């Protein structure tokens, strides 16, 4: 029950080749090799330099349809002056 000998591995290889076929095994090997190459290339190339993105413009908090106007009411500010502030 120990390790498998070379003969065991050869028999397994022959059975796998019979089940899948040599063409399919060759294609799978090429795909695997291409994936490893792509991974190595991506790993070794430095990332592009970071660029600062422009911040998105802020939308106003109060949006009203163009057909109606927001109501305004007088409210005193901290200095005692009256300021007009729109409230919905």
N, C-alpha and C. Protein backbone atom coordinates (compact mmCIF):
# COMPACT_ATOMS: atom_id res chain seq x y z
N UNK A 1 0.80 -1.19 0.00
CA UNK A 1 0.00 0.00 0.00
C UNK A 1 0.84 1.26 0.00
N UNK A 2 2.06 1.22 -0.18
CA UNK A 2 2.93 2.39 -0.12
C UNK A 2 2.73 3.32 -1.31
N UNK A 3 3.81 3.81 -1.85
CA UNK A 3 3.74 4.75 -2.97
C UNK A 3 3.53 3.98 -4.27
N UNK A 4 3.08 4.70 -5.27
CA UNK A 4 2.88 4.07 -6.57
C UNK A 4 4.20 4.01 -7.32
N UNK A 5 4.41 2.94 -8.06
CA UNK A 5 5.62 2.81 -8.86
C UNK A 5 5.40 3.47 -10.22
N UNK A 6 6.43 3.49 -11.03
CA UNK A 6 6.35 4.10 -12.35
C UNK A 6 5.33 3.37 -13.23
N UNK A 7 5.18 2.07 -13.03
CA UNK A 7 4.24 1.29 -13.84
C UNK A 7 2.79 1.68 -13.55
N UNK A 8 2.51 1.97 -12.31
CA UNK A 8 1.17 2.42 -11.96
C UNK A 8 0.84 3.74 -12.67
N UNK A 9 1.81 4.68 -12.66
CA UNK A 9 1.58 5.98 -13.29
C UNK A 9 1.46 5.86 -14.81
N UNK A 10 2.22 4.94 -15.40
CA UNK A 10 2.10 4.73 -16.85
C UNK A 10 0.73 4.18 -17.23
N UNK A 11 0.23 3.25 -16.42
CA UNK A 11 -1.10 2.70 -16.69
C UNK A 11 -2.16 3.79 -16.55
N UNK A 12 -2.05 4.62 -15.53
CA UNK A 12 -3.00 5.73 -15.35
C UNK A 12 -2.92 6.68 -16.54
N UNK A 13 -1.72 6.98 -17.02
CA UNK A 13 -1.54 7.88 -18.17
C UNK A 13 -2.17 7.30 -19.43
N UNK A 14 -2.01 6.00 -19.66
CA UNK A 14 -2.61 5.36 -20.83
C UNK A 14 -4.13 5.40 -20.74
N UNK A 15 -4.68 5.16 -19.57
CA UNK A 15 -6.14 5.19 -19.41
C UNK A 15 -6.67 6.61 -19.64
N UNK A 16 -5.99 7.60 -19.12
CA UNK A 16 -6.42 8.99 -19.32
C UNK A 16 -6.33 9.36 -20.80
N UNK A 17 -5.27 8.94 -21.49
CA UNK A 17 -5.14 9.22 -22.92
C UNK A 17 -6.24 8.53 -23.71
N UNK A 18 -6.63 7.33 -23.32
CA UNK A 18 -7.71 6.63 -24.02
C UNK A 18 -9.07 7.31 -23.77
N UNK A 19 -9.29 7.78 -22.57
CA UNK A 19 -10.58 8.39 -22.24
C UNK A 19 -10.71 9.76 -22.90
N UNK A 20 -9.71 10.61 -22.76
CA UNK A 20 -9.81 11.98 -23.27
C UNK A 20 -9.31 12.13 -24.70
N UNK A 21 -8.40 11.32 -25.12
CA UNK A 21 -7.81 11.47 -26.44
C UNK A 21 -6.61 12.41 -26.38
N UNK A 22 -5.64 12.17 -27.25
CA UNK A 22 -4.41 12.96 -27.20
C UNK A 22 -4.64 14.39 -27.67
N UNK A 23 -5.56 14.62 -28.62
CA UNK A 23 -5.80 15.98 -29.11
C UNK A 23 -6.37 16.86 -28.01
N UNK A 24 -7.31 16.32 -27.27
CA UNK A 24 -7.93 17.10 -26.20
C UNK A 24 -6.91 17.39 -25.10
N UNK A 25 -6.07 16.41 -24.78
CA UNK A 25 -5.03 16.63 -23.76
C UNK A 25 -4.03 17.69 -24.22
N UNK A 26 -3.69 17.68 -25.52
CA UNK A 26 -2.76 18.67 -26.06
C UNK A 26 -3.36 20.06 -25.96
N UNK A 27 -4.64 20.19 -26.30
CA UNK A 27 -5.30 21.50 -26.22
C UNK A 27 -5.37 22.00 -24.78
N UNK A 28 -5.66 21.08 -23.86
CA UNK A 28 -5.70 21.49 -22.45
C UNK A 28 -4.32 21.94 -21.98
N UNK A 29 -3.28 21.27 -22.43
CA UNK A 29 -1.92 21.67 -22.06
C UNK A 29 -1.55 23.03 -22.62
N UNK A 30 -1.96 23.30 -23.88
CA UNK A 30 -1.68 24.60 -24.47
C UNK A 30 -2.43 25.70 -23.73
N UNK A 31 -3.67 25.44 -23.38
CA UNK A 31 -4.46 26.43 -22.64
C UNK A 31 -3.84 26.72 -21.28
N UNK A 32 -3.41 25.68 -20.61
CA UNK A 32 -2.79 25.86 -19.30
C UNK A 32 -1.48 26.64 -19.42
N UNK A 33 -0.68 26.31 -20.43
CA UNK A 33 0.58 27.04 -20.64
C UNK A 33 0.34 28.51 -20.96
N UNK A 34 -0.68 28.79 -21.78
CA UNK A 34 -1.00 30.18 -22.10
C UNK A 34 -1.46 30.95 -20.87
N UNK A 35 -2.22 30.28 -20.01
CA UNK A 35 -2.69 30.94 -18.79
C UNK A 35 -1.52 31.25 -17.86
N UNK A 36 -0.58 30.33 -17.75
CA UNK A 36 0.59 30.55 -16.90
C UNK A 36 1.44 31.70 -17.46
N UNK A 37 1.61 31.74 -18.79
CA UNK A 37 2.37 32.82 -19.42
C UNK A 37 1.71 34.17 -19.16
N UNK A 38 0.40 34.22 -19.33
CA UNK A 38 -0.33 35.47 -19.09
C UNK A 38 -0.22 35.92 -17.64
N UNK A 39 -0.28 34.96 -16.71
CA UNK A 39 -0.15 35.30 -15.30
C UNK A 39 1.24 35.86 -15.02
N UNK A 40 2.28 35.22 -15.55
CA UNK A 40 3.65 35.70 -15.34
C UNK A 40 3.83 37.11 -15.90
N UNK A 41 3.29 37.33 -17.10
CA UNK A 41 3.43 38.64 -17.73
C UNK A 41 2.73 39.72 -16.90
N UNK A 42 1.53 39.41 -16.41
CA UNK A 42 0.81 40.38 -15.59
C UNK A 42 1.51 40.61 -14.25
N UNK A 43 2.15 39.59 -13.75
CA UNK A 43 2.83 39.71 -12.46
C UNK A 43 4.09 40.55 -12.58
N UNK A 44 4.80 40.43 -13.70
CA UNK A 44 6.10 41.11 -13.84
C UNK A 44 5.99 42.54 -14.36
N UNK A 45 4.93 42.89 -15.06
CA UNK A 45 4.81 44.26 -15.56
C UNK A 45 4.32 45.17 -14.46
N UNK A 46 4.93 46.37 -14.36
CA UNK A 46 4.49 47.30 -13.31
C UNK A 46 3.12 47.89 -13.65
N UNK A 47 2.35 48.24 -12.65
CA UNK A 47 1.04 48.82 -12.91
C UNK A 47 1.18 50.22 -13.49
N UNK A 48 0.21 50.71 -14.24
CA UNK A 48 0.29 52.05 -14.79
C UNK A 48 0.22 53.08 -13.67
N UNK A 49 0.81 54.26 -13.90
CA UNK A 49 0.80 55.28 -12.84
C UNK A 49 -0.63 55.73 -12.54
N UNK A 50 -0.85 56.06 -11.29
CA UNK A 50 -2.17 56.51 -10.86
C UNK A 50 -2.39 57.95 -11.32
N UNK A 51 -3.56 58.24 -11.82
CA UNK A 51 -3.91 59.60 -12.20
C UNK A 51 -5.03 60.08 -11.30
N UNK A 52 -5.02 61.37 -11.02
CA UNK A 52 -6.06 61.92 -10.18
C UNK A 52 -7.31 62.11 -11.02
N UNK A 53 -8.42 61.66 -10.50
CA UNK A 53 -9.68 61.81 -11.20
C UNK A 53 -10.36 63.09 -10.71
N UNK A 54 -11.03 63.75 -11.62
CA UNK A 54 -11.76 64.94 -11.24
C UNK A 54 -12.97 64.52 -10.42
N UNK A 55 -13.25 65.27 -9.35
CA UNK A 55 -14.44 64.91 -8.57
C UNK A 55 -15.71 65.20 -9.37
N UNK A 56 -16.71 64.40 -9.13
CA UNK A 56 -17.97 64.59 -9.81
C UNK A 56 -18.66 65.84 -9.26
N UNK A 57 -19.37 66.58 -10.11
CA UNK A 57 -20.05 67.77 -9.61
C UNK A 57 -21.16 67.37 -8.64
N UNK A 58 -21.31 68.16 -7.61
CA UNK A 58 -22.34 67.86 -6.61
C UNK A 58 -23.68 68.34 -7.12
N UNK A 59 -24.68 67.56 -6.86
CA UNK A 59 -26.03 67.97 -7.18
C UNK A 59 -26.60 68.69 -5.97
N UNK A 60 -27.44 69.66 -6.26
CA UNK A 60 -28.06 70.37 -5.14
C UNK A 60 -29.01 69.42 -4.42
N UNK A 61 -29.15 69.64 -3.16
CA UNK A 61 -30.01 68.77 -2.36
C UNK A 61 -31.47 68.96 -2.71
N UNK A 62 -31.81 70.20 -3.05
CA UNK A 62 -33.21 70.48 -3.32
C UNK A 62 -33.42 70.53 -4.83
N UNK A 63 -34.15 69.62 -5.33
CA UNK A 63 -34.49 69.63 -6.74
C UNK A 63 -36.00 69.69 -6.86
N UNK A 64 -36.45 70.62 -7.65
CA UNK A 64 -37.88 70.78 -7.84
C UNK A 64 -38.18 70.67 -9.32
N UNK A 65 -39.35 70.20 -9.67
CA UNK A 65 -39.72 70.16 -11.08
C UNK A 65 -39.76 71.58 -11.64
N UNK A 66 -39.55 71.68 -12.93
CA UNK A 66 -39.48 73.00 -13.54
C UNK A 66 -40.83 73.72 -13.53
N UNK A 67 -41.93 73.01 -13.32
CA UNK A 67 -43.24 73.64 -13.35
C UNK A 67 -43.63 74.28 -12.03
N UNK A 68 -43.00 73.89 -10.92
CA UNK A 68 -43.35 74.51 -9.65
C UNK A 68 -42.12 75.14 -9.03
N UNK A 69 -42.34 76.17 -8.24
CA UNK A 69 -41.25 76.88 -7.57
C UNK A 69 -41.25 76.48 -6.11
N UNK A 70 -40.06 76.35 -5.50
CA UNK A 70 -40.02 76.01 -4.08
C UNK A 70 -40.56 77.15 -3.24
N UNK A 71 -41.18 76.83 -2.13
CA UNK A 71 -41.71 77.83 -1.22
C UNK A 71 -40.56 78.45 -0.45
N UNK A 72 -40.66 79.75 -0.20
CA UNK A 72 -39.65 80.44 0.59
C UNK A 72 -40.31 80.98 1.84
N UNK A 73 -39.60 80.92 2.93
CA UNK A 73 -40.12 81.53 4.15
C UNK A 73 -38.99 82.27 4.85
N UNK A 74 -39.36 83.25 5.60
CA UNK A 74 -38.38 84.08 6.30
C UNK A 74 -37.95 83.39 7.59
N UNK A 75 -36.65 83.32 7.80
CA UNK A 75 -36.12 82.76 9.03
C UNK A 75 -34.99 83.66 9.51
N UNK A 76 -34.96 84.01 10.78
CA UNK A 76 -33.84 84.85 11.25
C UNK A 76 -32.58 84.01 11.37
N UNK A 77 -31.45 84.60 10.95
CA UNK A 77 -30.18 83.90 11.12
C UNK A 77 -29.59 84.26 12.48
N UNK A 78 -28.37 83.87 12.76
CA UNK A 78 -27.79 84.05 14.09
C UNK A 78 -27.57 85.51 14.48
N UNK A 79 -27.36 86.37 13.49
CA UNK A 79 -27.13 87.78 13.81
C UNK A 79 -28.45 88.54 13.96
N UNK A 80 -29.56 87.89 13.74
CA UNK A 80 -30.83 88.56 13.89
C UNK A 80 -31.36 89.08 12.57
N UNK A 81 -30.59 88.90 11.47
CA UNK A 81 -31.06 89.34 10.17
C UNK A 81 -32.03 88.30 9.62
N UNK A 82 -32.84 88.72 8.71
CA UNK A 82 -33.79 87.81 8.10
C UNK A 82 -33.20 87.30 6.79
N UNK A 83 -33.14 86.00 6.65
CA UNK A 83 -32.61 85.40 5.42
C UNK A 83 -33.69 84.55 4.79
N UNK A 84 -33.70 84.51 3.50
CA UNK A 84 -34.66 83.67 2.78
C UNK A 84 -34.04 82.31 2.54
N UNK A 85 -34.69 81.26 3.00
CA UNK A 85 -34.21 79.91 2.76
C UNK A 85 -35.34 79.08 2.16
N UNK A 86 -35.05 78.36 1.09
CA UNK A 86 -36.10 77.53 0.49
C UNK A 86 -36.34 76.29 1.32
N UNK A 87 -37.57 75.99 1.57
CA UNK A 87 -37.94 74.76 2.27
C UNK A 87 -39.05 74.09 1.50
N UNK A 88 -38.99 72.76 1.40
CA UNK A 88 -39.99 72.03 0.64
C UNK A 88 -41.19 71.78 1.40
